[in-house]
Amino acid sequence: MLTLSESDGKLYYDLWKPLLDYTNDRFHVKEHVKDITHAQDLDPREI
């Protein structure tokens, strides 16, 4: 099992939602979701 350093973990979570937005924009995974990065009501477990 790999454990990230604190700084790598923070970087991961800083990039996670913007990468989901990019992927969704590029591949149209969920048409009704337009801005995952700034959405306040999304459950991370459902994402």
PDB file of N, CA and C in Angstrom:
ATOM      1  N   MET A   1       0.843  -1.173   0.000  1.00  0.00           N
ATOM      2  CA  MET A   1       0.000   0.000   0.000  1.00  0.00           C
ATOM      3  C   MET A   1       0.894   1.244   0.000  1.00  0.00           C
ATOM      4  N   LEU A   2       0.556   2.176  -0.861  1.00  0.00           N
ATOM      5  CA  LEU A   2       1.323   3.402  -0.993  1.00  0.00           C
ATOM      6  C   LEU A   2       0.658   4.514  -0.187  1.00  0.00           C
ATOM      7  N   THR A   3       1.436   5.208   0.614  1.00  0.00           N
ATOM      8  CA  THR A   3       0.931   6.338   1.375  1.00  0.00           C
ATOM      9  C   THR A   3       1.584   7.602   0.847  1.00  0.00           C
ATOM     10  N   LEU A   4       0.755   8.568   0.494  1.00  0.00           N
ATOM     11  CA  LEU A   4       1.274   9.833  -0.021  1.00  0.00           C
ATOM     12  C   LEU A   4       1.756  10.719   1.115  1.00  0.00           C
ATOM     13  N   SER A   5       2.741  11.523   0.818  1.00  0.00           N
ATOM     14  CA  SER A   5       3.155  12.522   1.801  1.00  0.00           C
ATOM     15  C   SER A   5       2.024  13.537   1.945  1.00  0.00           C
ATOM     16  N   GLU A   6       2.077  14.347   2.966  1.00  0.00           N
ATOM     17  CA  GLU A   6       1.032  15.342   3.184  1.00  0.00           C
ATOM     18  C   GLU A   6       0.935  16.303   2.000  1.00  0.00           C
ATOM     19  N   SER A   7       2.070  16.744   1.487  1.00  0.00           N
ATOM     20  CA  SER A   7       2.043  17.690   0.358  1.00  0.00           C
ATOM     21  C   SER A   7       1.510  17.021  -0.911  1.00  0.00           C
ATOM     22  N   ASP A   8       1.869  15.752  -1.143  1.00  0.00           N
ATOM     23  CA  ASP A   8       1.343  15.035  -2.303  1.00  0.00           C
ATOM     24  C   ASP A   8      -0.149  14.774  -2.160  1.00  0.00           C
ATOM     25  N   GLY A   9      -0.598  14.475  -0.963  1.00  0.00           N
ATOM     26  CA  GLY A   9      -2.025  14.279  -0.717  1.00  0.00           C
ATOM     27  C   GLY A   9      -2.806  15.559  -0.973  1.00  0.00           C
ATOM     28  N   LYS A  10      -2.282  16.678  -0.535  1.00  0.00           N
ATOM     29  CA  LYS A  10      -2.945  17.959  -0.780  1.00  0.00           C
ATOM     30  C   LYS A  10      -2.992  18.253  -2.275  1.00  0.00           C
ATOM     31  N   LEU A  11      -1.898  18.011  -2.977  1.00  0.00           N
ATOM     32  CA  LEU A  11      -1.860  18.226  -4.416  1.00  0.00           C
ATOM     33  C   LEU A  11      -2.892  17.341  -5.120  1.00  0.00           C
ATOM     34  N   TYR A  12      -2.985  16.090  -4.705  1.00  0.00           N
ATOM     35  CA  TYR A  12      -3.968  15.172  -5.285  1.00  0.00           C
ATOM     36  C   TYR A  12      -5.377  15.744  -5.151  1.00  0.00           C
ATOM     37  N   TYR A  13      -5.743  16.152  -3.958  1.00  0.00           N
ATOM     38  CA  TYR A  13      -7.101  16.665  -3.743  1.00  0.00           C
ATOM     39  C   TYR A  13      -7.316  18.034  -4.381  1.00  0.00           C
ATOM     40  N   ASP A  14      -6.261  18.815  -4.557  1.00  0.00           N
ATOM     41  CA  ASP A  14      -6.384  20.092  -5.278  1.00  0.00           C
ATOM     42  C   ASP A  14      -6.651  19.861  -6.766  1.00  0.00           C
ATOM     43  N   LEU A  15      -6.114  18.766  -7.311  1.00  0.00           N
ATOM     44  CA  LEU A  15      -6.242  18.482  -8.738  1.00  0.00           C
ATOM     45  C   LEU A  15      -7.399  17.551  -9.102  1.00  0.00           C
ATOM     46  N   TRP A  16      -7.910  16.818  -8.126  1.00  0.00           N
ATOM     47  CA  TRP A  16      -8.893  15.766  -8.369  1.00  0.00           C
ATOM     48  C   TRP A  16     -10.154  16.280  -9.069  1.00  0.00           C
ATOM     49  N   LYS A  17     -10.821  17.256  -8.508  1.00  0.00           N
ATOM     50  CA  LYS A  17     -12.058  17.753  -9.113  1.00  0.00           C
ATOM     51  C   LYS A  17     -11.824  18.478 -10.435  1.00  0.00           C
ATOM     52  N   PRO A  18     -10.782  19.325 -10.553  1.00  0.00           N
ATOM     53  CA  PRO A  18     -10.527  19.916 -11.873  1.00  0.00           C
ATOM     54  C   PRO A  18     -10.244  18.859 -12.949  1.00  0.00           C
ATOM     55  N   LEU A  19      -9.576  17.775 -12.586  1.00  0.00           N
ATOM     56  CA  LEU A  19      -9.349  16.704 -13.560  1.00  0.00           C
ATOM     57  C   LEU A  19     -10.652  16.012 -13.948  1.00  0.00           C
ATOM     58  N   LEU A  20     -11.557  15.868 -12.992  1.00  0.00           N
ATOM     59  CA  LEU A  20     -12.878  15.308 -13.310  1.00  0.00           C
ATOM     60  C   LEU A  20     -13.632  16.232 -14.255  1.00  0.00           C
ATOM     61  N   ASP A  21     -13.542  17.548 -14.029  1.00  0.00           N
ATOM     62  CA  ASP A  21     -14.178  18.510 -14.938  1.00  0.00           C
ATOM     63  C   ASP A  21     -13.597  18.379 -16.346  1.00  0.00           C
ATOM     64  N   TYR A  22     -12.284  18.307 -16.448  1.00  0.00           N
ATOM     65  CA  TYR A  22     -11.642  18.171 -17.749  1.00  0.00           C
ATOM     66  C   TYR A  22     -12.118  16.893 -18.453  1.00  0.00           C
ATOM     67  N   THR A  23     -12.108  15.790 -17.724  1.00  0.00           N
ATOM     68  CA  THR A  23     -12.522  14.517 -18.302  1.00  0.00           C
ATOM     69  C   THR A  23     -13.970  14.575 -18.762  1.00  0.00           C
ATOM     70  N   ASN A  24     -14.830  15.158 -17.945  1.00  0.00           N
ATOM     71  CA  ASN A  24     -16.242  15.258 -18.306  1.00  0.00           C
ATOM     72  C   ASN A  24     -16.434  16.171 -19.514  1.00  0.00           C
ATOM     73  N   ASP A  25     -15.717  17.277 -19.571  1.00  0.00           N
ATOM     74  CA  ASP A  25     -15.802  18.173 -20.729  1.00  0.00           C
ATOM     75  C   ASP A  25     -15.329  17.472 -22.002  1.00  0.00           C
ATOM     76  N   ARG A  26     -14.280  16.720 -21.867  1.00  0.00           N
ATOM     77  CA  ARG A  26     -13.662  16.075 -23.036  1.00  0.00           C
ATOM     78  C   ARG A  26     -14.471  14.882 -23.537  1.00  0.00           C
ATOM     79  N   PHE A  27     -15.007  14.072 -22.599  1.00  0.00           N
ATOM     80  CA  PHE A  27     -15.646  12.816 -22.977  1.00  0.00           C
ATOM     81  C   PHE A  27     -17.154  12.782 -22.724  1.00  0.00           C
ATOM     82  N   HIS A  28     -17.713  13.877 -22.190  1.00  0.00           N
ATOM     83  CA  HIS A  28     -19.163  13.992 -21.980  1.00  0.00           C
ATOM     84  C   HIS A  28     -19.725  12.815 -21.173  1.00  0.00           C
ATOM     85  N   VAL A  29     -19.089  12.544 -20.045  1.00  0.00           N
ATOM     86  CA  VAL A  29     -19.502  11.439 -19.192  1.00  0.00           C
ATOM     87  C   VAL A  29     -20.859  11.741 -18.568  1.00  0.00           C
ATOM     88  N   LYS A  30     -21.011  12.920 -18.007  1.00  0.00           N
ATOM     89  CA  LYS A  30     -22.274  13.343 -17.391  1.00  0.00           C
ATOM     90  C   LYS A  30     -22.653  14.696 -17.971  1.00  0.00           C
ATOM     91  N   GLU A  31     -23.572  14.721 -18.905  1.00  0.00           N
ATOM     92  CA  GLU A  31     -23.960  15.957 -19.590  1.00  0.00           C
ATOM     93  C   GLU A  31     -24.529  17.013 -18.636  1.00  0.00           C
ATOM     94  N   HIS A  32     -25.275  16.580 -17.632  1.00  0.00           N
ATOM     95  CA  HIS A  32     -25.943  17.538 -16.736  1.00  0.00           C
ATOM     96  C   HIS A  32     -25.000  18.146 -15.694  1.00  0.00           C
ATOM     97  N   VAL A  33     -23.813  17.586 -15.534  1.00  0.00           N
ATOM     98  CA  VAL A  33     -22.845  18.117 -14.572  1.00  0.00           C
ATOM     99  C   VAL A  33     -21.887  19.023 -15.331  1.00  0.00           C
ATOM    100  N   LYS A  34     -21.879  20.306 -14.976  1.00  0.00           N
ATOM    101  CA  LYS A  34     -21.062  21.269 -15.706  1.00  0.00           C
ATOM    102  C   LYS A  34     -19.837  21.750 -14.940  1.00  0.00           C
ATOM    103  N   ASP A  35     -19.882  21.739 -13.605  1.00  0.00           N
ATOM    104  CA  ASP A  35     -18.767  22.304 -12.836  1.00  0.00           C
ATOM    105  C   ASP A  35     -18.587  21.538 -11.526  1.00  0.00           C
ATOM    106  N   ILE A  36     -17.887  20.437 -11.598  1.00  0.00           N
ATOM    107  CA  ILE A  36     -17.641  19.605 -10.421  1.00  0.00           C
ATOM    108  C   ILE A  36     -16.762  20.340  -9.413  1.00  0.00           C
ATOM    109  N   THR A  37     -15.798  21.104  -9.905  1.00  0.00           N
ATOM    110  CA  THR A  37     -14.833  21.772  -9.038  1.00  0.00           C
ATOM    111  C   THR A  37     -15.499  22.689  -8.028  1.00  0.00           C
ATOM    112  N   HIS A  38     -16.529  23.412  -8.447  1.00  0.00           N
ATOM    113  CA  HIS A  38     -17.153  24.394  -7.564  1.00  0.00           C
ATOM    114  C   HIS A  38     -18.512  23.963  -7.023  1.00  0.00           C
ATOM    115  N   ALA A  39     -18.947  22.768  -7.344  1.00  0.00           N
ATOM    116  CA  ALA A  39     -20.239  22.276  -6.854  1.00  0.00           C
ATOM    117  C   ALA A  39     -20.161  22.032  -5.345  1.00  0.00           C
ATOM    118  N   GLN A  40     -21.157  22.492  -4.642  1.00  0.00           N
ATOM    119  CA  GLN A  40     -21.162  22.355  -3.186  1.00  0.00           C
ATOM    120  C   GLN A  40     -21.947  21.123  -2.720  1.00  0.00           C
ATOM    121  N   ASP A  41     -22.809  20.598  -3.565  1.00  0.00           N
ATOM    122  CA  ASP A  41     -23.708  19.538  -3.120  1.00  0.00           C
ATOM    123  C   ASP A  41     -23.334  18.148  -3.634  1.00  0.00           C
ATOM    124  N   LEU A  42     -22.132  17.958  -4.137  1.00  0.00           N
ATOM    125  CA  LEU A  42     -21.705  16.653  -4.616  1.00  0.00           C
ATOM    126  C   LEU A  42     -21.026  15.880  -3.503  1.00  0.00           C
ATOM    127  N   ASP A  43     -21.461  14.643  -3.340  1.00  0.00           N
ATOM    128  CA  ASP A  43     -20.852  13.745  -2.353  1.00  0.00           C
ATOM    129  C   ASP A  43     -19.605  13.124  -2.987  1.00  0.00           C
ATOM    130  N   PRO A  44     -18.423  13.316  -2.402  1.00  0.00           N
ATOM    131  CA  PRO A  44     -17.188  12.758  -2.980  1.00  0.00           C
ATOM    132  C   PRO A  44     -17.268  11.251  -3.206  1.00  0.00           C
ATOM    133  N   ARG A  45     -18.032  10.541  -2.379  1.00  0.00           N
ATOM    134  CA  ARG A  45     -18.153   9.081  -2.564  1.00  0.00           C
ATOM    135  C   ARG A  45     -18.936   8.759  -3.824  1.00  0.00           C
ATOM    136  N   GLU A  46     -19.861   9.640  -4.230  1.00  0.00           N
ATOM    137  CA  GLU A  46     -20.635   9.408  -5.442  1.00  0.00           C
ATOM    138  C   GLU A  46     -19.865   9.812  -6.687  1.00  0.00           C
ATOM    139  N   ILE A  47     -18.960  10.762  -6.553  1.00  0.00           N
ATOM    140  CA  ILE A  47     -18.164  11.209  -7.695  1.00  0.00           C
ATOM    141  C   ILE A  47     -17.300  10.077  -8.144  1.00  0.00           C
TER     142      ILE A  47
END
